[in-house]
Amino acid sequence: MCAVTEEVLWSPARQWVRNQLPATTLLCRVGSGQATYHRFDPRLKQHQITYGKRMIMDKHQPDAVGGWLSGREIRQREYFGGTVTTLNLLAHTCCHEFAHLLQHVSGQRYRGSVHNQHFYRILDELHASGGAEAARRHLAIQAEKAGLSVPDDPIEAPDTRQLIANWTIGDAVSFGAGKRELEGRIIRVNRKTCTVEGTGRSRGLRYRVPLVLLRALAD
């Protein structure tokens, strides 16, 4: 994924980015956890994109896919024809994070407004221009050369009715990952989310959590 980002996405955009801020560089890395993100270090003039190992593992697991924004974006915005596969998810993740880079360079990333209309205009263009398809092809080729399996079989959307049936008021749950993992109890089951009242360090707060992101906690 790092090679795809650098060779397919960064290479044609590099000069434009450097026209906005000379000597800008890109560092792609693989993190040990789930966190996948873009950030910019102004001191080094360096964009940094991190792909989490656990994110990559999740996107190989059909039951875990629903918890990721990338899957919802593919279906709702009909990227790759609206078909969710592991290959499409990973290629789209490269495009998603690179769109954040371009969004930052364009000055359209704001505190509290990250996935805004400017971001999706950039992401739509990456797909419409063929950049996403090029990333997908390159990822498939590199995986094959390395002897890695990146499935391209369609992953069906989760059955919302079954997800709702998994939860009831009073259930102890967790959501998030790593340092951002939170705990609470369900106080309302909605059509696509549950309202969770925080416990522990989240006591006093309420969250609306997508059904697919909830995990049961033992009482």
N, C-alpha and C. Protein backbone atom coordinates (compact mmCIF):
# COMPACT_ATOMS: atom_id res chain seq x y z
N MET A 1 0.83 -1.20 0.00
CA MET A 1 0.00 0.00 0.00
C MET A 1 0.87 1.26 0.00
N CYS A 2 2.00 1.18 0.69
CA CYS A 2 2.91 2.32 0.68
C CYS A 2 3.45 2.56 -0.72
N ALA A 3 3.83 1.47 -1.40
CA ALA A 3 4.35 1.60 -2.76
C ALA A 3 3.30 2.14 -3.71
N VAL A 4 2.06 1.68 -3.56
CA VAL A 4 0.97 2.18 -4.41
C VAL A 4 0.78 3.67 -4.21
N THR A 5 0.77 4.10 -2.95
CA THR A 5 0.58 5.51 -2.65
C THR A 5 1.70 6.36 -3.25
N GLU A 6 2.93 5.90 -3.08
CA GLU A 6 4.08 6.68 -3.55
C GLU A 6 4.20 6.67 -5.07
N GLU A 7 4.01 5.50 -5.68
CA GLU A 7 4.28 5.37 -7.12
C GLU A 7 3.10 5.77 -8.00
N VAL A 8 1.88 5.49 -7.53
CA VAL A 8 0.71 5.74 -8.37
C VAL A 8 0.04 7.08 -8.06
N LEU A 9 -0.05 7.42 -6.78
CA LEU A 9 -0.78 8.62 -6.39
C LEU A 9 0.13 9.84 -6.17
N TRP A 10 1.21 9.64 -5.44
CA TRP A 10 2.10 10.76 -5.11
C TRP A 10 2.91 11.22 -6.32
N SER A 11 3.41 10.30 -7.11
CA SER A 11 4.30 10.65 -8.21
C SER A 11 3.72 11.70 -9.16
N PRO A 12 2.48 11.54 -9.66
CA PRO A 12 1.95 12.57 -10.57
C PRO A 12 1.54 13.86 -9.88
N ALA A 13 1.34 13.82 -8.57
CA ALA A 13 0.89 15.01 -7.84
C ALA A 13 2.04 15.76 -7.17
N ARG A 14 3.21 15.14 -7.12
CA ARG A 14 4.33 15.68 -6.34
C ARG A 14 4.70 17.11 -6.73
N GLN A 15 4.81 17.38 -8.03
CA GLN A 15 5.24 18.71 -8.46
C GLN A 15 4.20 19.76 -8.09
N TRP A 16 2.92 19.41 -8.26
CA TRP A 16 1.87 20.37 -7.87
C TRP A 16 1.94 20.67 -6.38
N VAL A 17 2.13 19.63 -5.57
CA VAL A 17 2.22 19.82 -4.13
C VAL A 17 3.41 20.72 -3.80
N ARG A 18 4.53 20.49 -4.46
CA ARG A 18 5.73 21.28 -4.18
C ARG A 18 5.62 22.71 -4.71
N ASN A 19 4.75 22.92 -5.68
CA ASN A 19 4.50 24.29 -6.13
C ASN A 19 3.80 25.09 -5.04
N GLN A 20 3.02 24.39 -4.21
CA GLN A 20 2.33 25.06 -3.10
C GLN A 20 3.28 25.28 -1.92
N LEU A 21 4.14 24.30 -1.68
CA LEU A 21 5.12 24.39 -0.59
C LEU A 21 6.38 23.66 -1.02
N PRO A 22 7.41 24.40 -1.45
CA PRO A 22 8.63 23.77 -1.97
C PRO A 22 9.25 22.78 -0.98
N ALA A 23 9.88 21.76 -1.54
CA ALA A 23 10.62 20.75 -0.78
C ALA A 23 9.74 19.84 0.06
N THR A 24 8.44 19.83 -0.20
CA THR A 24 7.54 18.93 0.52
C THR A 24 7.84 17.48 0.16
N THR A 25 7.80 16.61 1.17
CA THR A 25 8.04 15.18 0.94
C THR A 25 6.87 14.36 1.48
N LEU A 26 6.88 13.09 1.14
CA LEU A 26 5.88 12.15 1.64
C LEU A 26 6.58 10.95 2.26
N LEU A 27 6.13 10.57 3.45
CA LEU A 27 6.60 9.36 4.11
C LEU A 27 5.41 8.45 4.35
N CYS A 28 5.44 7.25 3.78
CA CYS A 28 4.40 6.25 4.05
C CYS A 28 4.99 5.18 4.96
N ARG A 29 4.21 4.76 5.92
CA ARG A 29 4.70 3.76 6.86
C ARG A 29 3.56 2.84 7.26
N VAL A 30 3.92 1.70 7.84
CA VAL A 30 2.94 0.74 8.35
C VAL A 30 3.00 0.77 9.87
N GLY A 31 1.86 1.03 10.50
CA GLY A 31 1.79 1.05 11.95
C GLY A 31 1.42 -0.31 12.50
N SER A 32 1.68 -0.52 13.77
CA SER A 32 1.44 -1.83 14.38
C SER A 32 -0.01 -2.04 14.79
N GLY A 33 -0.78 -0.95 14.89
CA GLY A 33 -2.15 -1.07 15.36
C GLY A 33 -3.17 -0.94 14.25
N GLN A 34 -4.32 -0.37 14.61
CA GLN A 34 -5.43 -0.23 13.67
C GLN A 34 -5.46 1.15 13.01
N ALA A 35 -4.90 2.13 13.70
CA ALA A 35 -5.00 3.52 13.24
C ALA A 35 -4.41 3.71 11.85
N THR A 36 -5.19 4.36 10.99
CA THR A 36 -4.79 4.66 9.62
C THR A 36 -5.11 6.13 9.38
N TYR A 37 -4.10 6.92 9.03
CA TYR A 37 -4.33 8.36 9.00
C TYR A 37 -3.26 9.10 8.20
N HIS A 38 -3.59 10.36 7.86
CA HIS A 38 -2.64 11.29 7.26
C HIS A 38 -2.39 12.43 8.25
N ARG A 39 -1.16 12.87 8.31
CA ARG A 39 -0.86 14.08 9.07
C ARG A 39 0.30 14.80 8.39
N PHE A 40 0.46 16.07 8.73
CA PHE A 40 1.52 16.88 8.12
C PHE A 40 2.41 17.45 9.20
N ASP A 41 3.72 17.28 9.02
CA ASP A 41 4.71 17.83 9.94
C ASP A 41 5.28 19.09 9.31
N PRO A 42 4.85 20.28 9.78
CA PRO A 42 5.31 21.52 9.15
C PRO A 42 6.80 21.77 9.33
N ARG A 43 7.37 21.25 10.41
CA ARG A 43 8.80 21.45 10.65
C ARG A 43 9.64 20.75 9.58
N LEU A 44 9.21 19.54 9.23
CA LEU A 44 9.93 18.77 8.22
C LEU A 44 9.39 19.00 6.81
N LYS A 45 8.27 19.72 6.71
CA LYS A 45 7.55 19.86 5.44
C LYS A 45 7.25 18.47 4.87
N GLN A 46 6.75 17.62 5.75
CA GLN A 46 6.57 16.21 5.37
C GLN A 46 5.13 15.75 5.63
N HIS A 47 4.50 15.21 4.58
CA HIS A 47 3.23 14.52 4.74
C HIS A 47 3.52 13.09 5.17
N GLN A 48 2.77 12.62 6.13
CA GLN A 48 2.97 11.26 6.64
C GLN A 48 1.65 10.50 6.57
N ILE A 49 1.68 9.35 5.91
CA ILE A 49 0.50 8.49 5.84
C ILE A 49 0.85 7.16 6.50
N THR A 50 0.04 6.79 7.48
CA THR A 50 0.25 5.55 8.22
C THR A 50 -0.89 4.58 7.91
N TYR A 51 -0.54 3.36 7.55
CA TYR A 51 -1.51 2.29 7.34
C TYR A 51 -1.36 1.28 8.47
N GLY A 52 -2.42 1.07 9.23
CA GLY A 52 -2.35 0.16 10.37
C GLY A 52 -2.44 -1.30 9.96
N LYS A 53 -1.59 -2.13 10.55
CA LYS A 53 -1.61 -3.57 10.23
C LYS A 53 -2.97 -4.18 10.56
N ARG A 54 -3.55 -3.76 11.68
CA ARG A 54 -4.84 -4.34 12.07
C ARG A 54 -5.95 -3.90 11.13
N MET A 55 -5.82 -2.71 10.56
CA MET A 55 -6.78 -2.27 9.55
C MET A 55 -6.73 -3.20 8.35
N ILE A 56 -5.51 -3.52 7.91
CA ILE A 56 -5.35 -4.40 6.76
C ILE A 56 -5.93 -5.78 7.06
N MET A 57 -5.69 -6.27 8.26
CA MET A 57 -6.23 -7.56 8.66
C MET A 57 -7.76 -7.52 8.69
N ASP A 58 -8.32 -6.44 9.23
CA ASP A 58 -9.78 -6.30 9.29
C ASP A 58 -10.41 -6.38 7.90
N LYS A 59 -9.74 -5.77 6.93
CA LYS A 59 -10.32 -5.70 5.59
C LYS A 59 -10.17 -7.01 4.82
N HIS A 60 -9.56 -7.99 5.47
CA HIS A 60 -9.56 -9.36 4.95
C HIS A 60 -10.66 -10.19 5.62
N GLN A 61 -11.35 -9.61 6.60
CA GLN A 61 -12.36 -10.33 7.36
C GLN A 61 -13.75 -9.77 7.06
N PRO A 62 -14.59 -10.50 6.35
CA PRO A 62 -15.92 -9.98 5.97
C PRO A 62 -16.72 -9.44 7.15
N ASP A 63 -16.62 -10.08 8.32
CA ASP A 63 -17.41 -9.64 9.47
C ASP A 63 -16.93 -8.30 10.02
N ALA A 64 -15.69 -7.93 9.72
CA ALA A 64 -15.13 -6.69 10.27
C ALA A 64 -15.21 -5.52 9.30
N VAL A 65 -15.51 -5.80 8.05
CA VAL A 65 -15.49 -4.76 7.02
C VAL A 65 -16.49 -3.65 7.28
N GLY A 66 -17.66 -4.02 7.79
CA GLY A 66 -18.73 -3.04 7.98
C GLY A 66 -18.37 -1.91 8.92
N GLY A 67 -17.36 -2.11 9.75
CA GLY A 67 -16.98 -1.08 10.70
C GLY A 67 -16.10 0.01 10.12
N TRP A 68 -15.73 -0.13 8.86
CA TRP A 68 -14.81 0.83 8.25
C TRP A 68 -15.53 1.76 7.28
N LEU A 69 -15.19 3.04 7.36
CA LEU A 69 -15.79 4.05 6.48
C LEU A 69 -15.55 3.72 5.02
N SER A 70 -14.41 3.13 4.70
CA SER A 70 -14.08 2.85 3.30
C SER A 70 -15.13 1.97 2.64
N GLY A 71 -15.64 0.98 3.37
CA GLY A 71 -16.67 0.11 2.80
C GLY A 71 -17.96 0.87 2.52
N ARG A 72 -18.33 1.74 3.45
CA ARG A 72 -19.55 2.52 3.25
C ARG A 72 -19.38 3.50 2.09
N GLU A 73 -18.19 4.08 1.96
CA GLU A 73 -17.94 5.00 0.85
C GLU A 73 -18.05 4.29 -0.49
N ILE A 74 -17.48 3.10 -0.58
CA ILE A 74 -17.53 2.35 -1.84
C ILE A 74 -18.97 2.07 -2.24
N ARG A 75 -19.78 1.64 -1.28
CA ARG A 75 -21.17 1.31 -1.59
C ARG A 75 -22.00 2.56 -1.88
N GLN A 76 -21.89 3.55 -1.02
CA GLN A 76 -22.76 4.72 -1.14
C GLN A 76 -22.39 5.62 -2.31
N ARG A 77 -21.10 5.72 -2.62
CA ARG A 77 -20.66 6.61 -3.69
C ARG A 77 -20.34 5.83 -4.98
N GLU A 78 -20.58 4.51 -4.90
CA GLU A 78 -20.44 3.62 -6.06
C GLU A 78 -19.04 3.64 -6.66
N TYR A 79 -18.04 3.74 -5.79
CA TYR A 79 -16.67 3.57 -6.25
C TYR A 79 -16.47 2.10 -6.64
N PHE A 80 -15.68 1.85 -7.65
CA PHE A 80 -15.46 0.49 -8.16
C PHE A 80 -16.79 -0.20 -8.43
N GLY A 81 -17.75 0.57 -8.94
CA GLY A 81 -19.06 0.01 -9.26
C GLY A 81 -19.87 -0.35 -8.03
N GLY A 82 -19.47 0.16 -6.87
CA GLY A 82 -20.19 -0.13 -5.64
C GLY A 82 -19.89 -1.50 -5.06
N THR A 83 -18.87 -2.18 -5.61
CA THR A 83 -18.54 -3.53 -5.16
C THR A 83 -17.44 -3.51 -4.10
N VAL A 84 -17.74 -4.07 -2.96
CA VAL A 84 -16.77 -4.13 -1.86
C VAL A 84 -16.04 -5.47 -1.91
N THR A 85 -14.73 -5.41 -2.08
CA THR A 85 -13.87 -6.58 -1.98
C THR A 85 -12.65 -6.15 -1.16
N THR A 86 -11.87 -7.10 -0.72
CA THR A 86 -10.66 -6.74 0.02
C THR A 86 -9.74 -5.89 -0.84
N LEU A 87 -9.56 -6.27 -2.10
CA LEU A 87 -8.71 -5.50 -3.00
C LEU A 87 -9.23 -4.08 -3.17
N ASN A 88 -10.54 -3.94 -3.38
CA ASN A 88 -11.12 -2.61 -3.55
C ASN A 88 -10.99 -1.78 -2.27
N LEU A 89 -11.18 -2.41 -1.13
CA LEU A 89 -11.07 -1.71 0.15
C LEU A 89 -9.67 -1.15 0.36
N LEU A 90 -8.66 -1.97 0.10
CA LEU A 90 -7.29 -1.53 0.34
C LEU A 90 -6.87 -0.45 -0.66
N ALA A 91 -7.27 -0.62 -1.93
CA ALA A 91 -6.95 0.41 -2.92
C ALA A 91 -7.66 1.71 -2.58
N HIS A 92 -8.91 1.61 -2.16
CA HIS A 92 -9.66 2.81 -1.81
C HIS A 92 -9.08 3.48 -0.57
N THR A 93 -8.58 2.70 0.36
CA THR A 93 -7.95 3.27 1.56
C THR A 93 -6.75 4.13 1.17
N CYS A 94 -5.96 3.66 0.21
CA CYS A 94 -4.84 4.47 -0.29
C CYS A 94 -5.36 5.79 -0.84
N CYS A 95 -6.43 5.73 -1.62
CA CYS A 95 -7.00 6.94 -2.20
C CYS A 95 -7.59 7.86 -1.13
N HIS A 96 -8.24 7.26 -0.15
CA HIS A 96 -8.86 8.04 0.93
C HIS A 96 -7.81 8.86 1.68
N GLU A 97 -6.72 8.20 2.07
CA GLU A 97 -5.69 8.92 2.81
C GLU A 97 -4.96 9.93 1.93
N PHE A 98 -4.78 9.59 0.66
CA PHE A 98 -4.12 10.55 -0.23
C PHE A 98 -5.02 11.75 -0.49
N ALA A 99 -6.33 11.53 -0.50
CA ALA A 99 -7.26 12.65 -0.65
C ALA A 99 -7.13 13.61 0.53
N HIS A 100 -6.86 13.08 1.72
CA HIS A 100 -6.62 13.96 2.87
C HIS A 100 -5.36 14.79 2.66
N LEU A 101 -4.34 14.20 2.05
CA LEU A 101 -3.12 14.95 1.74
C LEU A 101 -3.44 16.11 0.81
N LEU A 102 -4.16 15.83 -0.27
CA LEU A 102 -4.51 16.87 -1.23
C LEU A 102 -5.44 17.91 -0.61
N GLN A 103 -6.32 17.45 0.26
CA GLN A 103 -7.22 18.36 0.97
C GLN A 103 -6.42 19.33 1.84
N HIS A 104 -5.42 18.81 2.52
CA HIS A 104 -4.58 19.64 3.38
C HIS A 104 -3.82 20.67 2.55
N VAL A 105 -3.24 20.23 1.45
CA VAL A 105 -2.48 21.14 0.59
C VAL A 105 -3.38 22.24 0.04
N SER A 106 -4.64 21.89 -0.23
CA SER A 106 -5.59 22.86 -0.77
C SER A 106 -6.14 23.81 0.28
N GLY A 107 -5.80 23.56 1.55
CA GLY A 107 -6.29 24.41 2.63
C GLY A 107 -7.76 24.21 2.94
N GLN A 108 -8.27 23.01 2.67
CA GLN A 108 -9.69 22.74 2.86
C GLN A 108 -9.96 21.75 3.99
N ARG A 109 -8.97 21.52 4.83
CA ARG A 109 -9.16 20.64 5.98
C ARG A 109 -9.25 21.50 7.23
N TYR A 110 -10.36 21.37 7.95
CA TYR A 110 -10.60 22.22 9.11
C TYR A 110 -10.86 21.37 10.34
N ARG A 111 -10.56 21.93 11.49
CA ARG A 111 -10.84 21.23 12.74
C ARG A 111 -12.35 20.99 12.86
N GLY A 112 -12.72 19.75 13.08
CA GLY A 112 -14.13 19.41 13.20
C GLY A 112 -14.83 19.24 11.86
N SER A 113 -14.11 19.43 10.77
CA SER A 113 -14.70 19.28 9.43
C SER A 113 -13.66 18.67 8.51
N VAL A 114 -13.46 17.37 8.68
CA VAL A 114 -12.43 16.66 7.91
C VAL A 114 -13.04 16.01 6.68
N HIS A 115 -14.07 15.20 6.88
CA HIS A 115 -14.74 14.55 5.75
C HIS A 115 -15.84 15.48 5.23
N ASN A 116 -15.41 16.60 4.69
CA ASN A 116 -16.36 17.61 4.22
C ASN A 116 -16.53 17.54 2.71
N GLN A 117 -17.29 18.47 2.15
CA GLN A 117 -17.57 18.44 0.71
C GLN A 117 -16.30 18.59 -0.12
N HIS A 118 -15.33 19.34 0.38
CA HIS A 118 -14.07 19.52 -0.35
C HIS A 118 -13.31 18.19 -0.42
N PHE A 119 -13.32 17.47 0.71
CA PHE A 119 -12.64 16.17 0.73
C PHE A 119 -13.27 15.22 -0.27
N TYR A 120 -14.60 15.14 -0.28
CA TYR A 120 -15.26 14.18 -1.18
C TYR A 120 -15.18 14.62 -2.64
N ARG A 121 -15.03 15.90 -2.89
CA ARG A 121 -14.80 16.34 -4.27
C ARG A 121 -13.45 15.81 -4.76
N ILE A 122 -12.45 15.86 -3.90
CA ILE A 122 -11.13 15.34 -4.25
C ILE A 122 -11.16 13.83 -4.43
N LEU A 123 -11.83 13.14 -3.49
CA LEU A 123 -11.89 11.68 -3.55
C LEU A 123 -12.67 11.23 -4.79
N ASP A 124 -13.76 11.91 -5.09
CA ASP A 124 -14.53 11.59 -6.31
C ASP A 124 -13.65 11.73 -7.55
N GLU A 125 -12.83 12.78 -7.57
CA GLU A 125 -11.98 13.03 -8.73
C GLU A 125 -10.90 11.95 -8.87
N LEU A 126 -10.37 11.48 -7.74
CA LEU A 126 -9.38 10.41 -7.80
C LEU A 126 -9.98 9.16 -8.45
N HIS A 127 -11.24 8.90 -8.17
CA HIS A 127 -11.89 7.74 -8.79
C HIS A 127 -12.26 8.03 -10.24
N ALA A 128 -12.83 9.20 -10.50
CA ALA A 128 -13.28 9.52 -11.86
C ALA A 128 -12.12 9.63 -12.85
N SER A 129 -10.96 10.06 -12.37
CA SER A 129 -9.81 10.27 -13.25
C SER A 129 -9.08 8.99 -13.60
N GLY A 130 -9.43 7.91 -12.92
CA GLY A 130 -8.73 6.64 -13.16
C GLY A 130 -7.61 6.38 -12.17
N GLY A 131 -7.36 7.33 -11.28
CA GLY A 131 -6.30 7.14 -10.30
C GLY A 131 -6.57 5.98 -9.36
N ALA A 132 -7.82 5.83 -8.94
CA ALA A 132 -8.17 4.75 -8.02
C ALA A 132 -8.03 3.39 -8.71
N GLU A 133 -8.45 3.32 -9.97
CA GLU A 133 -8.34 2.06 -10.71
C GLU A 133 -6.87 1.71 -10.94
N ALA A 134 -6.04 2.72 -11.20
CA ALA A 134 -4.61 2.47 -11.36
C ALA A 134 -4.01 1.96 -10.05
N ALA A 135 -4.45 2.53 -8.94
CA ALA A 135 -3.97 2.07 -7.63
C ALA A 135 -4.40 0.63 -7.38
N ARG A 136 -5.61 0.32 -7.77
CA ARG A 136 -6.13 -1.04 -7.60
C ARG A 136 -5.32 -2.05 -8.41
N ARG A 137 -5.04 -1.72 -9.67
CA ARG A 137 -4.26 -2.62 -10.52
C ARG A 137 -2.85 -2.81 -9.97
N HIS A 138 -2.23 -1.71 -9.56
CA HIS A 138 -0.86 -1.78 -9.05
C HIS A 138 -0.80 -2.62 -7.78
N LEU A 139 -1.79 -2.44 -6.93
CA LEU A 139 -1.83 -3.21 -5.68
C LEU A 139 -1.97 -4.70 -5.97
N ALA A 140 -2.82 -5.05 -6.92
CA ALA A 140 -3.01 -6.46 -7.28
C ALA A 140 -1.73 -7.06 -7.84
N ILE A 141 -1.05 -6.30 -8.69
CA ILE A 141 0.19 -6.79 -9.31
C ILE A 141 1.28 -6.98 -8.25
N GLN A 142 1.44 -5.99 -7.37
CA GLN A 142 2.47 -6.08 -6.35
C GLN A 142 2.19 -7.22 -5.37
N ALA A 143 0.91 -7.42 -5.04
CA ALA A 143 0.56 -8.51 -4.13
C ALA A 143 0.87 -9.87 -4.76
N GLU A 144 0.56 -9.99 -6.05
CA GLU A 144 0.83 -11.25 -6.75
C GLU A 144 2.33 -11.53 -6.80
N LYS A 145 3.12 -10.50 -7.08
CA LYS A 145 4.57 -10.67 -7.14
C LYS A 145 5.13 -11.11 -5.79
N ALA A 146 4.51 -10.60 -4.72
CA ALA A 146 4.99 -10.93 -3.38
C ALA A 146 4.39 -12.23 -2.85
N GLY A 147 3.51 -12.83 -3.63
CA GLY A 147 2.88 -14.08 -3.20
C GLY A 147 1.85 -13.88 -2.11
N LEU A 148 1.24 -12.69 -2.07
CA LEU A 148 0.25 -12.38 -1.04
C LEU A 148 -1.16 -12.51 -1.60
N SER A 149 -2.06 -12.98 -0.77
CA SER A 149 -3.45 -13.12 -1.17
C SER A 149 -4.23 -11.86 -0.83
N VAL A 150 -4.78 -11.22 -1.86
CA VAL A 150 -5.67 -10.07 -1.66
C VAL A 150 -6.97 -10.40 -2.37
N PRO A 151 -7.94 -10.97 -1.66
CA PRO A 151 -9.17 -11.44 -2.30
C PRO A 151 -9.92 -10.35 -3.05
N ASP A 152 -10.51 -10.75 -4.18
CA ASP A 152 -11.31 -9.82 -4.97
C ASP A 152 -12.74 -10.32 -5.12
N ASP A 153 -13.16 -11.14 -4.17
CA ASP A 153 -14.54 -11.64 -4.17
C ASP A 153 -15.44 -10.64 -3.46
N PRO A 154 -16.64 -10.39 -3.99
CA PRO A 154 -17.55 -9.42 -3.36
C PRO A 154 -17.89 -9.79 -1.92
N ILE A 155 -17.92 -8.77 -1.07
CA ILE A 155 -18.30 -8.93 0.33
C ILE A 155 -19.68 -8.31 0.50
N GLU A 156 -20.63 -9.11 0.92
CA GLU A 156 -22.00 -8.62 1.04
C GLU A 156 -22.13 -7.65 2.21
N ALA A 157 -23.06 -6.71 2.06
CA ALA A 157 -23.34 -5.76 3.15
C ALA A 157 -23.95 -6.52 4.33
N PRO A 158 -23.66 -6.09 5.56
CA PRO A 158 -24.21 -6.79 6.72
C PRO A 158 -25.73 -6.68 6.77
N ASP A 159 -26.37 -7.70 7.32
CA ASP A 159 -27.82 -7.72 7.48
C ASP A 159 -28.18 -6.88 8.70
N THR A 160 -28.78 -5.71 8.46
CA THR A 160 -29.09 -4.79 9.55
C THR A 160 -30.02 -5.42 10.58
N ARG A 161 -30.97 -6.22 10.12
CA ARG A 161 -31.91 -6.85 11.06
C ARG A 161 -31.19 -7.78 12.02
N GLN A 162 -30.21 -8.51 11.48
CA GLN A 162 -29.45 -9.42 12.34
C GLN A 162 -28.59 -8.63 13.31
N LEU A 163 -28.02 -7.53 12.84
CA LEU A 163 -27.20 -6.70 13.72
C LEU A 163 -28.02 -6.14 14.87
N ILE A 164 -29.24 -5.68 14.57
CA ILE A 164 -30.12 -5.15 15.61
C ILE A 164 -30.44 -6.23 16.64
N ALA A 165 -30.67 -7.44 16.14
CA ALA A 165 -31.05 -8.54 17.03
C ALA A 165 -29.93 -8.91 18.00
N ASN A 166 -28.70 -8.50 17.69
CA ASN A 166 -27.56 -8.84 18.55
C ASN A 166 -27.53 -8.03 19.84
N TRP A 167 -28.28 -6.90 19.88
CA TRP A 167 -28.13 -5.97 21.00
C TRP A 167 -29.45 -5.67 21.67
N THR A 168 -29.36 -5.40 22.97
CA THR A 168 -30.54 -5.02 23.73
C THR A 168 -30.14 -3.97 24.77
N ILE A 169 -31.12 -3.23 25.26
CA ILE A 169 -30.85 -2.19 26.25
C ILE A 169 -30.21 -2.81 27.50
N GLY A 170 -29.15 -2.17 27.96
CA GLY A 170 -28.44 -2.65 29.14
C GLY A 170 -27.18 -3.42 28.83
N ASP A 171 -26.99 -3.81 27.56
CA ASP A 171 -25.79 -4.56 27.19
C ASP A 171 -24.54 -3.70 27.42
N ALA A 172 -23.51 -4.33 27.98
CA ALA A 172 -22.21 -3.66 28.14
C ALA A 172 -21.42 -3.84 26.85
N VAL A 173 -20.93 -2.74 26.31
CA VAL A 173 -20.25 -2.79 25.01
C VAL A 173 -18.98 -1.95 25.03
N SER A 174 -18.15 -2.20 24.03
CA SER A 174 -16.99 -1.34 23.78
C SER A 174 -16.98 -1.00 22.30
N PHE A 175 -16.26 0.05 21.96
CA PHE A 175 -16.10 0.46 20.56
C PHE A 175 -14.85 1.31 20.46
N GLY A 176 -14.34 1.45 19.24
CA GLY A 176 -13.05 2.11 19.07
C GLY A 176 -11.94 1.09 19.25
N ALA A 177 -10.70 1.58 19.20
CA ALA A 177 -9.55 0.68 19.30
C ALA A 177 -8.39 1.37 19.97
N GLY A 178 -7.55 0.57 20.61
CA GLY A 178 -6.33 1.10 21.23
C GLY A 178 -6.64 2.15 22.29
N LYS A 179 -5.93 3.27 22.22
CA LYS A 179 -6.13 4.34 23.19
C LYS A 179 -7.48 5.01 23.05
N ARG A 180 -8.12 4.79 21.90
CA ARG A 180 -9.43 5.41 21.65
C ARG A 180 -10.59 4.47 21.98
N GLU A 181 -10.29 3.31 22.53
CA GLU A 181 -11.37 2.38 22.87
C GLU A 181 -12.18 2.92 24.04
N LEU A 182 -13.49 2.88 23.91
CA LEU A 182 -14.40 3.38 24.93
C LEU A 182 -15.37 2.28 25.33
N GLU A 183 -15.94 2.43 26.53
CA GLU A 183 -16.89 1.44 27.03
C GLU A 183 -18.17 2.14 27.48
N GLY A 184 -19.25 1.37 27.50
CA GLY A 184 -20.51 1.94 27.94
C GLY A 184 -21.61 0.89 27.96
N ARG A 185 -22.84 1.37 28.20
CA ARG A 185 -24.02 0.50 28.18
C ARG A 185 -25.04 1.06 27.20
N ILE A 186 -25.67 0.15 26.48
CA ILE A 186 -26.66 0.57 25.50
C ILE A 186 -27.92 1.06 26.22
N ILE A 187 -28.38 2.25 25.84
CA ILE A 187 -29.62 2.78 26.42
C ILE A 187 -30.72 2.90 25.37
N ARG A 188 -30.36 2.75 24.09
CA ARG A 188 -31.37 2.76 23.04
C ARG A 188 -30.82 2.04 21.81
N VAL A 189 -31.66 1.20 21.21
CA VAL A 189 -31.29 0.51 19.97
C VAL A 189 -32.05 1.17 18.83
N ASN A 190 -31.32 1.77 17.90
CA ASN A 190 -31.92 2.47 16.77
C ASN A 190 -31.84 1.60 15.51
N ARG A 191 -32.22 2.15 14.38
CA ARG A 191 -32.26 1.37 13.14
C ARG A 191 -30.86 1.00 12.65
N LYS A 192 -29.91 1.94 12.76
CA LYS A 192 -28.56 1.68 12.29
C LYS A 192 -27.49 1.88 13.36
N THR A 193 -27.90 2.41 14.49
CA THR A 193 -26.95 2.71 15.56
C THR A 193 -27.53 2.31 16.91
N CYS A 194 -26.67 2.34 17.91
CA CYS A 194 -27.12 2.23 19.29
C CYS A 194 -26.67 3.47 20.04
N THR A 195 -27.52 3.96 20.92
CA THR A 195 -27.12 5.05 21.80
C THR A 195 -26.48 4.43 23.03
N VAL A 196 -25.25 4.82 23.29
CA VAL A 196 -24.47 4.22 24.37
C VAL A 196 -24.12 5.28 25.41
N GLU A 197 -24.39 4.96 26.67
CA GLU A 197 -24.02 5.83 27.77
C GLU A 197 -22.66 5.37 28.29
N GLY A 198 -21.70 6.27 28.29
CA GLY A 198 -20.34 5.91 28.65
C GLY A 198 -20.20 5.45 30.08
N THR A 199 -19.26 4.55 30.30
CA THR A 199 -18.88 4.12 31.64
C THR A 199 -17.38 4.31 31.79
N GLY A 200 -16.88 4.14 33.00
CA GLY A 200 -15.44 4.31 33.21
C GLY A 200 -15.02 5.73 32.89
N ARG A 201 -13.97 5.88 32.11
CA ARG A 201 -13.46 7.22 31.79
C ARG A 201 -14.39 7.99 30.86
N SER A 202 -15.41 7.30 30.32
CA SER A 202 -16.38 7.96 29.45
C SER A 202 -17.68 8.28 30.17
N ARG A 203 -17.69 8.08 31.48
CA ARG A 203 -18.91 8.29 32.26
C ARG A 203 -19.42 9.72 32.06
N GLY A 204 -20.73 9.84 31.87
CA GLY A 204 -21.33 11.15 31.68
C GLY A 204 -21.48 11.55 30.23
N LEU A 205 -20.92 10.75 29.32
CA LEU A 205 -21.01 11.05 27.89
C LEU A 205 -21.92 10.05 27.19
N ARG A 206 -22.50 10.47 26.09
CA ARG A 206 -23.33 9.58 25.28
C ARG A 206 -22.82 9.56 23.85
N TYR A 207 -22.96 8.40 23.22
CA TYR A 207 -22.46 8.22 21.86
C TYR A 207 -23.51 7.51 21.02
N ARG A 208 -23.58 7.87 19.75
CA ARG A 208 -24.38 7.10 18.79
C ARG A 208 -23.39 6.29 17.97
N VAL A 209 -23.41 4.99 18.17
CA VAL A 209 -22.39 4.12 17.60
C VAL A 209 -23.01 3.21 16.54
N PRO A 210 -22.46 3.18 15.33
CA PRO A 210 -22.97 2.24 14.32
C PRO A 210 -22.96 0.81 14.85
N LEU A 211 -23.98 0.06 14.52
CA LEU A 211 -24.13 -1.31 15.03
C LEU A 211 -22.90 -2.16 14.76
N VAL A 212 -22.30 -1.98 13.59
CA VAL A 212 -21.18 -2.84 13.22
C VAL A 212 -19.92 -2.57 14.03
N LEU A 213 -19.89 -1.44 14.75
CA LEU A 213 -18.68 -1.09 15.50
C LEU A 213 -18.73 -1.57 16.95
N LEU A 214 -19.87 -2.09 17.37
CA LEU A 214 -20.03 -2.49 18.77
C LEU A 214 -19.44 -3.87 19.03
N ARG A 215 -18.83 -4.02 20.21
CA ARG A 215 -18.33 -5.31 20.67
C ARG A 215 -18.87 -5.56 22.07
N ALA A 216 -19.27 -6.80 22.33
CA ALA A 216 -19.84 -7.13 23.64
C ALA A 216 -18.74 -7.19 24.69
N LEU A 217 -19.08 -6.69 25.89
CA LEU A 217 -18.18 -6.79 27.03
C LEU A 217 -18.79 -7.75 28.05
N ALA A 218 -17.95 -8.54 28.67
CA ALA A 218 -18.43 -9.43 29.73
C ALA A 218 -18.72 -8.59 30.97
N ASP A 219 -19.86 -8.81 31.59
CA ASP A 219 -20.21 -8.07 32.82
C ASP A 219 -19.31 -8.53 33.97
